[in-house]
Amino acid sequence: MNRNMTFETAMKRLEEIVNRLESGEESLETSLKLFEEGSSLAAHCYGKLQSAEQKIKQITDLEETSVKKEQGE
């Protein structure tokens, strides 16, 4: 998996994998490989979400600090 993959691309691929696994048409070997890829993609997406959450928290913390300074607190 490409570590530079966007969240949206990873989610789309993960959805494709889930659909293939749920179809029950894949061999055991293929299913295991898909599961492994899906696990990796899920971890990648989780990391991207955590990073976005941290950035949002930093922005909101900065805004709150700025507002408090403007209000003289």
Foldseek 3Di string as FASTA:
>chain_A
DDLPDDLVRLVVLLVVLVVVVVVVPDDPVVNVVSVVSNVVSVVSNVVVVVVVVVVVVVVVVVVVVVVCVVVVD
